[in-house]
Amino acid sequence: MDGVHVCVKVKPEVQGMYWNRHNITSFNIMAICDLNMLFTYVWNGAPGSCHDTSVLTMAQENDSDFPLPPPDKYYLVDSGYPNKQGFLAPFRSSRNVVVRYHMSQFESGPPPRNKQELFNRYHASLRSVIERTFGVWKKKWRILCEFPRRDTETGNTSSMIEPSDVAEAEIGEGDFMANIREHIASTLWADKNNSR
């Protein structure tokens, strides 16, 4: 699962809602795909100023058909989403500890230094499927990379969540996924050390 920004032209009076962090107006579209690069769910139309967590919240609150994973499964999500039941996020860096995540950091740097980085490397490798799927989608439909010729209707953004609320959402959801992530990381690290 991930979000992607698609450029959009909106009326001047609502542009503030649609400005994203790259200083363009856009929709923040959330999608879920499988390992075969096929979309299994799309939530579209959230203003570009919405954080990924806000888009997820909107989809869950406004779409009764939102596909929650079964209890023993989870979506791989990036650090823009909370690590909560059904959504497995990577380990994050803190003020005192840097934990690498992106594949480029492992390709041009030393191998993973600890179990958190090893987990993140595998996590990023699996999550790259959604990035590639978005890339194929944008190449196929080039209009998604350019401004449409017509204005859009605006939607309700009352359930927006700020990026700082991601950590709070994680804490509020308990430690269920944190325990799963820790177990996977420990298993990967032990397997790596036993195979030497």
N, C-alpha and C. Protein backbone atom coordinates (compact mmCIF):
# COMPACT_ATOMS: atom_id res chain seq x y z
N MET A 1 0.85 -1.17 0.00
CA MET A 1 0.00 0.00 0.00
C MET A 1 0.89 1.23 0.00
N ASP A 2 0.48 2.23 -0.79
CA ASP A 2 1.20 3.49 -0.79
C ASP A 2 0.32 4.56 -1.42
N GLY A 3 0.79 5.77 -1.33
CA GLY A 3 0.11 6.89 -1.95
C GLY A 3 0.95 7.45 -3.07
N VAL A 4 0.28 8.07 -4.04
CA VAL A 4 0.98 8.71 -5.14
C VAL A 4 0.26 10.02 -5.44
N HIS A 5 1.02 11.03 -5.80
CA HIS A 5 0.43 12.32 -6.12
C HIS A 5 0.24 12.44 -7.63
N VAL A 6 -0.95 12.88 -8.02
CA VAL A 6 -1.28 13.09 -9.43
C VAL A 6 -1.67 14.56 -9.57
N CYS A 7 -0.99 15.25 -10.48
CA CYS A 7 -1.23 16.68 -10.69
C CYS A 7 -2.69 16.94 -11.04
N VAL A 8 -3.20 18.06 -10.53
CA VAL A 8 -4.57 18.45 -10.81
C VAL A 8 -4.66 19.97 -10.84
N LYS A 9 -5.54 20.49 -11.67
CA LYS A 9 -5.77 21.93 -11.75
C LYS A 9 -7.05 22.22 -10.99
N VAL A 10 -6.98 23.11 -10.01
CA VAL A 10 -8.15 23.44 -9.20
C VAL A 10 -8.38 24.94 -9.19
N LYS A 11 -9.56 25.35 -8.77
CA LYS A 11 -9.89 26.77 -8.69
C LYS A 11 -8.99 27.45 -7.66
N PRO A 12 -8.61 28.71 -7.90
CA PRO A 12 -7.70 29.42 -6.99
C PRO A 12 -8.17 29.42 -5.54
N GLU A 13 -9.46 29.51 -5.31
CA GLU A 13 -9.95 29.61 -3.92
C GLU A 13 -9.77 28.32 -3.11
N VAL A 14 -9.50 27.18 -3.76
CA VAL A 14 -9.30 25.93 -3.01
C VAL A 14 -7.89 25.37 -3.19
N GLN A 15 -7.01 26.12 -3.84
CA GLN A 15 -5.66 25.61 -4.10
C GLN A 15 -4.91 25.22 -2.83
N GLY A 16 -5.13 25.94 -1.74
CA GLY A 16 -4.41 25.64 -0.49
C GLY A 16 -4.54 24.20 -0.07
N MET A 17 -5.73 23.62 -0.24
CA MET A 17 -5.95 22.23 0.14
C MET A 17 -5.19 21.26 -0.75
N TYR A 18 -4.93 21.68 -1.97
CA TYR A 18 -4.35 20.76 -2.94
C TYR A 18 -2.83 20.90 -3.10
N TRP A 19 -2.23 21.94 -2.47
CA TRP A 19 -0.77 22.09 -2.56
C TRP A 19 -0.11 20.95 -1.81
N ASN A 20 0.80 20.26 -2.45
CA ASN A 20 1.52 19.18 -1.76
C ASN A 20 2.91 19.65 -1.38
N ARG A 21 3.69 18.77 -0.80
CA ARG A 21 5.03 19.15 -0.32
C ARG A 21 6.01 19.48 -1.44
N HIS A 22 5.63 19.21 -2.69
CA HIS A 22 6.48 19.55 -3.84
C HIS A 22 6.02 20.85 -4.50
N ASN A 23 5.14 21.58 -3.81
CA ASN A 23 4.64 22.88 -4.28
C ASN A 23 3.90 22.82 -5.61
N ILE A 24 3.12 21.75 -5.79
CA ILE A 24 2.21 21.67 -6.92
C ILE A 24 0.85 21.22 -6.39
N THR A 25 -0.20 21.48 -7.15
CA THR A 25 -1.51 21.02 -6.72
C THR A 25 -1.71 19.60 -7.23
N SER A 26 -2.24 18.75 -6.34
CA SER A 26 -2.38 17.34 -6.70
C SER A 26 -3.47 16.66 -5.89
N PHE A 27 -3.82 15.46 -6.34
CA PHE A 27 -4.60 14.52 -5.56
C PHE A 27 -3.61 13.57 -4.92
N ASN A 28 -3.87 13.13 -3.70
CA ASN A 28 -3.08 12.07 -3.08
C ASN A 28 -3.92 10.81 -3.20
N ILE A 29 -3.49 9.90 -4.06
CA ILE A 29 -4.24 8.68 -4.34
C ILE A 29 -3.56 7.52 -3.63
N MET A 30 -4.34 6.77 -2.85
CA MET A 30 -3.82 5.61 -2.14
C MET A 30 -4.22 4.36 -2.92
N ALA A 31 -3.27 3.44 -3.06
CA ALA A 31 -3.57 2.21 -3.78
C ALA A 31 -2.93 1.02 -3.07
N ILE A 32 -3.54 -0.12 -3.31
CA ILE A 32 -3.02 -1.40 -2.83
C ILE A 32 -2.81 -2.26 -4.07
N CYS A 33 -1.68 -2.93 -4.14
CA CYS A 33 -1.46 -3.84 -5.27
C CYS A 33 -0.94 -5.17 -4.73
N ASP A 34 -1.02 -6.18 -5.59
CA ASP A 34 -0.48 -7.49 -5.20
C ASP A 34 0.92 -7.64 -5.77
N LEU A 35 1.55 -8.77 -5.54
CA LEU A 35 2.92 -8.98 -6.00
C LEU A 35 3.02 -9.12 -7.52
N ASN A 36 1.88 -9.26 -8.20
CA ASN A 36 1.86 -9.31 -9.66
C ASN A 36 1.67 -7.93 -10.29
N MET A 37 1.79 -6.88 -9.47
CA MET A 37 1.66 -5.50 -9.90
C MET A 37 0.25 -5.18 -10.41
N LEU A 38 -0.76 -5.81 -9.82
CA LEU A 38 -2.15 -5.53 -10.17
C LEU A 38 -2.79 -4.79 -9.02
N PHE A 39 -3.44 -3.66 -9.32
CA PHE A 39 -4.13 -2.92 -8.28
C PHE A 39 -5.30 -3.74 -7.76
N THR A 40 -5.42 -3.81 -6.45
CA THR A 40 -6.55 -4.51 -5.84
C THR A 40 -7.50 -3.53 -5.16
N TYR A 41 -7.05 -2.28 -4.96
CA TYR A 41 -7.88 -1.26 -4.36
C TYR A 41 -7.28 0.11 -4.66
N VAL A 42 -8.14 1.10 -4.91
CA VAL A 42 -7.69 2.49 -5.12
C VAL A 42 -8.66 3.42 -4.41
N TRP A 43 -8.12 4.35 -3.64
CA TRP A 43 -8.92 5.43 -3.05
C TRP A 43 -8.40 6.71 -3.68
N ASN A 44 -9.24 7.40 -4.43
CA ASN A 44 -8.76 8.60 -5.11
C ASN A 44 -9.51 9.84 -4.67
N GLY A 45 -8.88 10.95 -4.93
CA GLY A 45 -9.56 12.21 -4.70
C GLY A 45 -9.20 12.96 -3.44
N ALA A 46 -8.29 12.45 -2.61
CA ALA A 46 -7.89 13.20 -1.42
C ALA A 46 -7.00 14.37 -1.87
N PRO A 47 -7.20 15.56 -1.32
CA PRO A 47 -6.36 16.71 -1.69
C PRO A 47 -4.88 16.44 -1.42
N GLY A 48 -4.02 17.01 -2.25
CA GLY A 48 -2.59 16.78 -2.14
C GLY A 48 -1.97 17.18 -0.82
N SER A 49 -2.62 18.06 -0.06
CA SER A 49 -2.07 18.46 1.25
C SER A 49 -2.29 17.38 2.31
N CYS A 50 -3.12 16.38 2.00
CA CYS A 50 -3.40 15.31 2.97
C CYS A 50 -2.21 14.37 3.11
N HIS A 51 -1.87 14.06 4.33
CA HIS A 51 -0.83 13.08 4.62
C HIS A 51 -1.37 11.69 4.30
N ASP A 52 -0.47 10.74 4.00
CA ASP A 52 -0.90 9.38 3.66
C ASP A 52 -1.81 8.78 4.73
N THR A 53 -1.53 9.04 5.98
CA THR A 53 -2.37 8.52 7.06
C THR A 53 -3.78 9.09 6.97
N SER A 54 -3.91 10.34 6.58
CA SER A 54 -5.23 10.95 6.40
C SER A 54 -6.01 10.25 5.30
N VAL A 55 -5.32 9.94 4.20
CA VAL A 55 -5.99 9.28 3.08
C VAL A 55 -6.47 7.89 3.51
N LEU A 56 -5.63 7.17 4.25
CA LEU A 56 -6.03 5.85 4.75
C LEU A 56 -7.25 5.98 5.66
N THR A 57 -7.24 6.96 6.54
CA THR A 57 -8.37 7.17 7.45
C THR A 57 -9.64 7.47 6.66
N MET A 58 -9.53 8.34 5.65
CA MET A 58 -10.69 8.67 4.82
C MET A 58 -11.25 7.42 4.14
N ALA A 59 -10.36 6.61 3.60
CA ALA A 59 -10.80 5.40 2.90
C ALA A 59 -11.51 4.46 3.87
N GLN A 60 -10.94 4.27 5.04
CA GLN A 60 -11.55 3.34 6.01
C GLN A 60 -12.88 3.86 6.53
N GLU A 61 -12.99 5.18 6.73
CA GLU A 61 -14.22 5.74 7.29
C GLU A 61 -15.33 5.90 6.25
N ASN A 62 -14.96 6.11 4.98
CA ASN A 62 -15.96 6.44 3.96
C ASN A 62 -16.24 5.33 2.96
N ASP A 63 -15.50 4.24 3.01
CA ASP A 63 -15.73 3.16 2.06
C ASP A 63 -15.98 1.86 2.82
N SER A 64 -17.23 1.43 2.84
CA SER A 64 -17.57 0.20 3.57
C SER A 64 -16.93 -1.03 2.94
N ASP A 65 -16.42 -0.88 1.71
CA ASP A 65 -15.77 -2.01 1.03
C ASP A 65 -14.24 -1.97 1.16
N PHE A 66 -13.73 -1.09 2.05
CA PHE A 66 -12.27 -1.04 2.21
C PHE A 66 -11.78 -2.43 2.59
N PRO A 67 -10.79 -2.97 1.86
CA PRO A 67 -10.36 -4.35 2.08
C PRO A 67 -9.35 -4.51 3.23
N LEU A 68 -9.86 -4.67 4.44
CA LEU A 68 -8.96 -4.96 5.56
C LEU A 68 -8.35 -6.34 5.36
N PRO A 69 -7.07 -6.49 5.68
CA PRO A 69 -6.48 -7.83 5.53
C PRO A 69 -7.01 -8.78 6.60
N PRO A 70 -6.97 -10.09 6.34
CA PRO A 70 -7.37 -11.06 7.36
C PRO A 70 -6.48 -10.89 8.60
N PRO A 71 -6.91 -11.39 9.75
CA PRO A 71 -6.15 -11.20 11.00
C PRO A 71 -4.69 -11.64 10.95
N ASP A 72 -4.37 -12.65 10.16
CA ASP A 72 -2.99 -13.15 10.10
C ASP A 72 -2.20 -12.58 8.92
N LYS A 73 -2.74 -11.56 8.26
CA LYS A 73 -2.07 -10.92 7.12
C LYS A 73 -1.95 -9.43 7.39
N TYR A 74 -1.14 -8.75 6.56
CA TYR A 74 -0.97 -7.30 6.71
C TYR A 74 -0.46 -6.70 5.41
N TYR A 75 -0.73 -5.41 5.26
CA TYR A 75 -0.20 -4.66 4.14
C TYR A 75 1.17 -4.12 4.52
N LEU A 76 2.10 -4.11 3.57
CA LEU A 76 3.38 -3.44 3.79
C LEU A 76 3.18 -1.98 3.47
N VAL A 77 3.52 -1.11 4.41
CA VAL A 77 3.36 0.33 4.25
C VAL A 77 4.66 1.03 4.57
N ASP A 78 4.83 2.24 4.05
CA ASP A 78 6.05 2.99 4.36
C ASP A 78 5.86 3.75 5.67
N SER A 79 6.86 4.55 6.02
CA SER A 79 6.83 5.23 7.32
C SER A 79 5.82 6.37 7.37
N GLY A 80 5.11 6.63 6.27
CA GLY A 80 4.05 7.62 6.27
C GLY A 80 2.76 7.09 6.89
N TYR A 81 2.75 5.82 7.21
CA TYR A 81 1.58 5.19 7.81
C TYR A 81 1.94 4.67 9.20
N PRO A 82 0.94 4.55 10.06
CA PRO A 82 1.23 3.99 11.39
C PRO A 82 1.45 2.48 11.30
N ASN A 83 2.26 1.97 12.21
CA ASN A 83 2.49 0.54 12.34
C ASN A 83 1.39 0.02 13.27
N LYS A 84 0.26 -0.37 12.67
CA LYS A 84 -0.87 -0.82 13.48
C LYS A 84 -1.40 -2.12 12.90
N GLN A 85 -2.31 -2.75 13.59
CA GLN A 85 -2.79 -4.06 13.17
C GLN A 85 -3.26 -4.02 11.72
N GLY A 86 -2.70 -4.93 10.93
CA GLY A 86 -3.01 -5.01 9.52
C GLY A 86 -2.11 -4.18 8.62
N PHE A 87 -1.22 -3.38 9.20
CA PHE A 87 -0.35 -2.48 8.44
C PHE A 87 1.06 -2.54 9.03
N LEU A 88 2.00 -3.13 8.28
CA LEU A 88 3.36 -3.33 8.77
C LEU A 88 4.29 -2.28 8.19
N ALA A 89 4.74 -1.36 9.04
CA ALA A 89 5.64 -0.27 8.64
C ALA A 89 7.08 -0.64 8.97
N PRO A 90 8.05 0.04 8.36
CA PRO A 90 9.46 -0.21 8.67
C PRO A 90 9.84 0.39 10.02
N PHE A 91 11.02 -0.01 10.49
CA PHE A 91 11.59 0.65 11.66
C PHE A 91 11.98 2.06 11.24
N ARG A 92 11.78 3.01 12.14
CA ARG A 92 12.11 4.41 11.85
C ARG A 92 13.37 4.82 12.60
N SER A 93 14.04 5.81 12.07
CA SER A 93 15.16 6.42 12.78
C SER A 93 14.60 7.25 13.94
N SER A 94 15.43 7.43 14.95
CA SER A 94 15.06 8.30 16.06
C SER A 94 16.12 9.39 16.17
N ARG A 95 16.00 10.23 17.17
CA ARG A 95 17.01 11.29 17.35
C ARG A 95 18.40 10.72 17.56
N ASN A 96 18.47 9.58 18.23
CA ASN A 96 19.78 9.02 18.61
C ASN A 96 20.26 7.90 17.70
N VAL A 97 19.34 7.30 16.93
CA VAL A 97 19.70 6.13 16.13
C VAL A 97 19.19 6.31 14.70
N VAL A 98 20.09 6.13 13.75
CA VAL A 98 19.71 6.19 12.34
C VAL A 98 19.50 4.75 11.87
N VAL A 99 18.31 4.50 11.33
CA VAL A 99 17.99 3.19 10.78
C VAL A 99 17.68 3.39 9.29
N ARG A 100 18.54 2.84 8.44
CA ARG A 100 18.35 3.01 7.01
C ARG A 100 17.12 2.22 6.54
N TYR A 101 16.48 2.72 5.46
CA TYR A 101 15.31 2.04 4.93
C TYR A 101 15.35 1.87 3.42
N HIS A 102 15.67 2.89 2.68
CA HIS A 102 15.54 2.87 1.22
C HIS A 102 16.58 1.96 0.58
N MET A 103 16.18 1.28 -0.49
CA MET A 103 17.07 0.34 -1.17
C MET A 103 18.36 1.03 -1.62
N SER A 104 18.28 2.27 -2.07
CA SER A 104 19.47 2.98 -2.53
C SER A 104 20.50 3.11 -1.41
N GLN A 105 20.04 3.21 -0.17
CA GLN A 105 20.97 3.33 0.96
C GLN A 105 21.75 2.03 1.17
N PHE A 106 21.16 0.90 0.83
CA PHE A 106 21.85 -0.37 0.98
C PHE A 106 22.71 -0.70 -0.24
N GLU A 107 22.25 -0.25 -1.43
CA GLU A 107 23.01 -0.52 -2.65
C GLU A 107 24.31 0.27 -2.70
N SER A 108 24.32 1.49 -2.15
CA SER A 108 25.52 2.33 -2.21
C SER A 108 26.24 2.42 -0.86
N GLY A 109 25.80 1.65 0.12
CA GLY A 109 26.42 1.71 1.43
C GLY A 109 26.74 0.33 1.95
N PRO A 110 27.14 0.26 3.22
CA PRO A 110 27.47 -1.04 3.81
C PRO A 110 26.21 -1.90 3.97
N PRO A 111 26.39 -3.21 4.17
CA PRO A 111 25.24 -4.08 4.38
C PRO A 111 24.52 -3.69 5.68
N PRO A 112 23.33 -4.22 5.90
CA PRO A 112 22.60 -3.91 7.13
C PRO A 112 23.46 -4.16 8.37
N ARG A 113 23.42 -3.19 9.30
CA ARG A 113 24.28 -3.24 10.49
C ARG A 113 23.61 -3.89 11.69
N ASN A 114 22.28 -4.05 11.62
CA ASN A 114 21.55 -4.63 12.75
C ASN A 114 20.24 -5.22 12.24
N LYS A 115 19.48 -5.83 13.14
CA LYS A 115 18.25 -6.51 12.70
C LYS A 115 17.20 -5.54 12.17
N GLN A 116 17.18 -4.30 12.68
CA GLN A 116 16.21 -3.32 12.18
C GLN A 116 16.50 -2.98 10.72
N GLU A 117 17.77 -2.77 10.39
CA GLU A 117 18.12 -2.45 9.01
C GLU A 117 17.93 -3.65 8.09
N LEU A 118 18.22 -4.86 8.58
CA LEU A 118 17.99 -6.04 7.75
C LEU A 118 16.51 -6.19 7.45
N PHE A 119 15.68 -6.02 8.46
CA PHE A 119 14.22 -6.05 8.25
C PHE A 119 13.82 -4.98 7.23
N ASN A 120 14.32 -3.76 7.41
CA ASN A 120 13.96 -2.66 6.51
C ASN A 120 14.37 -2.93 5.07
N ARG A 121 15.54 -3.58 4.88
CA ARG A 121 15.98 -3.88 3.52
C ARG A 121 15.00 -4.84 2.84
N TYR A 122 14.60 -5.89 3.54
CA TYR A 122 13.63 -6.83 2.98
C TYR A 122 12.27 -6.17 2.77
N HIS A 123 11.88 -5.37 3.73
CA HIS A 123 10.60 -4.65 3.66
C HIS A 123 10.59 -3.74 2.43
N ALA A 124 11.65 -2.96 2.25
CA ALA A 124 11.73 -2.04 1.11
C ALA A 124 11.75 -2.79 -0.22
N SER A 125 12.43 -3.92 -0.23
CA SER A 125 12.48 -4.73 -1.45
C SER A 125 11.08 -5.21 -1.83
N LEU A 126 10.31 -5.69 -0.88
CA LEU A 126 8.95 -6.15 -1.16
C LEU A 126 8.03 -4.97 -1.52
N ARG A 127 8.20 -3.85 -0.82
CA ARG A 127 7.35 -2.68 -1.07
C ARG A 127 7.65 -2.02 -2.41
N SER A 128 8.79 -2.33 -3.01
CA SER A 128 9.13 -1.72 -4.29
C SER A 128 8.12 -2.09 -5.38
N VAL A 129 7.34 -3.15 -5.16
CA VAL A 129 6.33 -3.54 -6.14
C VAL A 129 5.33 -2.41 -6.35
N ILE A 130 4.88 -1.76 -5.30
CA ILE A 130 3.89 -0.69 -5.45
C ILE A 130 4.51 0.50 -6.19
N GLU A 131 5.79 0.79 -5.91
CA GLU A 131 6.47 1.89 -6.60
C GLU A 131 6.57 1.60 -8.10
N ARG A 132 6.94 0.37 -8.44
CA ARG A 132 7.02 0.00 -9.85
C ARG A 132 5.65 0.04 -10.51
N THR A 133 4.63 -0.39 -9.79
CA THR A 133 3.27 -0.38 -10.32
C THR A 133 2.82 1.05 -10.63
N PHE A 134 3.09 1.98 -9.71
CA PHE A 134 2.78 3.39 -9.97
C PHE A 134 3.56 3.90 -11.18
N GLY A 135 4.82 3.50 -11.29
CA GLY A 135 5.64 3.94 -12.43
C GLY A 135 5.07 3.47 -13.76
N VAL A 136 4.66 2.21 -13.83
CA VAL A 136 4.05 1.67 -15.05
C VAL A 136 2.75 2.40 -15.35
N TRP A 137 1.96 2.63 -14.32
CA TRP A 137 0.67 3.32 -14.45
C TRP A 137 0.86 4.72 -15.04
N LYS A 138 1.84 5.46 -14.52
CA LYS A 138 2.07 6.83 -15.00
C LYS A 138 2.65 6.85 -16.41
N LYS A 139 3.45 5.85 -16.78
CA LYS A 139 3.97 5.79 -18.15
C LYS A 139 2.85 5.47 -19.14
N LYS A 140 1.97 4.58 -18.73
CA LYS A 140 0.85 4.19 -19.60
C LYS A 140 -0.13 5.34 -19.77
N TRP A 141 -0.42 6.05 -18.71
CA TRP A 141 -1.40 7.14 -18.73
C TRP A 141 -0.67 8.45 -18.44
N ARG A 142 0.00 8.98 -19.45
CA ARG A 142 0.84 10.18 -19.28
C ARG A 142 0.07 11.40 -18.78
N ILE A 143 -1.23 11.43 -18.99
CA ILE A 143 -2.02 12.57 -18.51
C ILE A 143 -1.91 12.70 -16.99
N LEU A 144 -1.59 11.60 -16.30
CA LEU A 144 -1.45 11.64 -14.84
C LEU A 144 -0.25 12.46 -14.40
N CYS A 145 0.69 12.69 -15.30
CA CYS A 145 1.88 13.48 -14.97
C CYS A 145 1.73 14.93 -15.40
N GLU A 146 0.61 15.27 -16.02
CA GLU A 146 0.38 16.63 -16.49
C GLU A 146 -0.93 17.13 -15.91
N PHE A 147 -1.16 18.43 -16.03
CA PHE A 147 -2.40 19.00 -15.50
C PHE A 147 -3.57 18.69 -16.43
N PRO A 148 -4.68 18.23 -15.87
CA PRO A 148 -5.88 18.05 -16.69
C PRO A 148 -6.38 19.41 -17.21
N ARG A 149 -7.19 19.37 -18.23
CA ARG A 149 -7.70 20.61 -18.83
C ARG A 149 -8.98 21.10 -18.19
N ARG A 150 -9.50 20.40 -17.21
CA ARG A 150 -10.72 20.84 -16.56
C ARG A 150 -10.54 20.88 -15.05
N ASP A 151 -11.40 21.67 -14.40
CA ASP A 151 -11.36 21.77 -12.95
C ASP A 151 -11.97 20.53 -12.31
N THR A 152 -11.66 20.36 -11.04
CA THR A 152 -12.20 19.22 -10.30
C THR A 152 -13.19 19.70 -9.25
N GLU A 153 -14.03 18.81 -8.82
CA GLU A 153 -14.91 19.08 -7.69
C GLU A 153 -14.13 18.79 -6.42
N THR A 154 -14.35 19.56 -5.39
CA THR A 154 -13.62 19.34 -4.14
C THR A 154 -14.42 18.45 -3.22
N GLY A 155 -13.71 17.74 -2.35
CA GLY A 155 -14.35 16.82 -1.41
C GLY A 155 -14.19 17.28 0.02
N ASN A 156 -14.69 16.50 0.91
CA ASN A 156 -14.62 16.79 2.35
C ASN A 156 -13.28 16.33 2.89
N THR A 157 -12.58 17.18 3.59
CA THR A 157 -11.29 16.82 4.16
C THR A 157 -11.31 16.95 5.67
N SER A 158 -12.44 16.78 6.28
CA SER A 158 -12.55 17.01 7.72
C SER A 158 -11.80 15.98 8.55
N SER A 159 -11.45 14.84 7.95
CA SER A 159 -10.77 13.82 8.74
C SER A 159 -9.27 13.80 8.50
N MET A 160 -8.70 14.96 8.11
CA MET A 160 -7.26 15.02 7.86
C MET A 160 -6.47 14.77 9.13
N ILE A 161 -5.38 14.00 9.00
CA ILE A 161 -4.49 13.71 10.12
C ILE A 161 -3.12 14.25 9.75
N GLU A 162 -2.51 14.95 10.64
CA GLU A 162 -1.20 15.53 10.39
C GLU A 162 -0.12 14.47 10.55
N PRO A 163 1.06 14.64 9.88
CA PRO A 163 2.14 13.66 9.99
C PRO A 163 2.55 13.38 11.43
N SER A 164 2.50 14.37 12.29
CA SER A 164 2.90 14.15 13.68
C SER A 164 1.97 13.20 14.41
N ASP A 165 0.76 12.99 13.85
CA ASP A 165 -0.19 12.09 14.48
C ASP A 165 0.09 10.63 14.17
N VAL A 166 1.02 10.33 13.23
CA VAL A 166 1.32 8.95 12.89
C VAL A 166 1.82 8.20 14.11
N ALA A 167 2.78 8.79 14.83
CA ALA A 167 3.32 8.13 16.02
C ALA A 167 2.24 7.93 17.07
N GLU A 168 1.35 8.92 17.23
CA GLU A 168 0.27 8.78 18.21
C GLU A 168 -0.68 7.67 17.82
N ALA A 169 -0.96 7.53 16.53
CA ALA A 169 -1.84 6.46 16.07
C ALA A 169 -1.20 5.11 16.35
N GLU A 170 0.13 5.03 16.17
CA GLU A 170 0.84 3.79 16.45
C GLU A 170 0.70 3.40 17.91
N ILE A 171 0.92 4.35 18.80
CA ILE A 171 0.83 4.07 20.23
C ILE A 171 -0.59 3.67 20.60
N GLY A 172 -1.57 4.39 20.04
CA GLY A 172 -2.97 4.11 20.35
C GLY A 172 -3.42 2.73 19.89
N GLU A 173 -2.80 2.17 18.88
CA GLU A 173 -3.18 0.87 18.35
C GLU A 173 -2.55 -0.27 19.14
N GLY A 174 -1.68 0.02 20.10
CA GLY A 174 -1.04 -1.04 20.87
C GLY A 174 0.22 -1.54 20.21
N ASP A 175 0.71 -2.63 20.72
CA ASP A 175 2.01 -3.15 20.29
C ASP A 175 1.91 -4.37 19.38
N PHE A 176 0.71 -4.69 18.90
CA PHE A 176 0.52 -5.91 18.13
C PHE A 176 1.48 -6.01 16.95
N MET A 177 1.46 -5.00 16.05
CA MET A 177 2.33 -5.06 14.87
C MET A 177 3.80 -4.83 15.23
N ALA A 178 4.05 -4.06 16.28
CA ALA A 178 5.44 -3.87 16.71
C ALA A 178 6.05 -5.22 17.13
N ASN A 179 5.26 -6.05 17.78
CA ASN A 179 5.74 -7.38 18.18
C ASN A 179 5.98 -8.27 16.98
N ILE A 180 5.09 -8.21 16.00
CA ILE A 180 5.28 -8.99 14.77
C ILE A 180 6.54 -8.52 14.06
N ARG A 181 6.70 -7.21 13.92
CA ARG A 181 7.89 -6.66 13.25
C ARG A 181 9.16 -7.08 13.98
N GLU A 182 9.15 -6.99 15.30
CA GLU A 182 10.31 -7.37 16.10
C GLU A 182 10.63 -8.86 15.92
N HIS A 183 9.60 -9.71 15.90
CA HIS A 183 9.81 -11.15 15.71
C HIS A 183 10.42 -11.44 14.34
N ILE A 184 9.89 -10.81 13.29
CA ILE A 184 10.42 -11.01 11.94
C ILE A 184 11.87 -10.54 11.88
N ALA A 185 12.15 -9.36 12.43
CA ALA A 185 13.52 -8.82 12.41
C ALA A 185 14.49 -9.73 13.15
N SER A 186 14.09 -10.23 14.31
CA SER A 186 14.96 -11.12 15.09
C SER A 186 15.22 -12.42 14.34
N THR A 187 14.19 -12.97 13.69
CA THR A 187 14.34 -14.21 12.92
C THR A 187 15.27 -14.00 11.74
N LEU A 188 15.10 -12.91 10.99
CA LEU A 188 15.97 -12.61 9.86
C LEU A 188 17.42 -12.46 10.32
N TRP A 189 17.62 -11.75 11.41
CA TRP A 189 18.97 -11.49 11.93
C TRP A 189 19.63 -12.79 12.39
N ALA A 190 18.86 -13.64 13.08
CA ALA A 190 19.40 -14.93 13.54
C ALA A 190 19.74 -15.81 12.35
N ASP A 191 18.88 -15.86 11.33
CA ASP A 191 19.16 -16.65 10.13
C ASP A 191 20.41 -16.15 9.42
N LYS A 192 20.57 -14.84 9.35
CA LYS A 192 21.75 -14.26 8.70
C LYS A 192 23.01 -14.66 9.45
N ASN A 193 22.99 -14.57 10.76
CA ASN A 193 24.17 -14.89 11.57
C ASN A 193 24.45 -16.40 11.59
N ASN A 194 23.42 -17.23 11.48
CA ASN A 194 23.62 -18.69 11.47
C ASN A 194 24.12 -19.19 10.14
N SER A 195 23.93 -18.43 9.08
CA SER A 195 24.34 -18.88 7.75
C SER A 195 25.79 -18.52 7.43
N ARG A 196 26.46 -17.88 8.36
CA ARG A 196 27.87 -17.49 8.10
C ARG A 196 28.79 -18.66 8.20
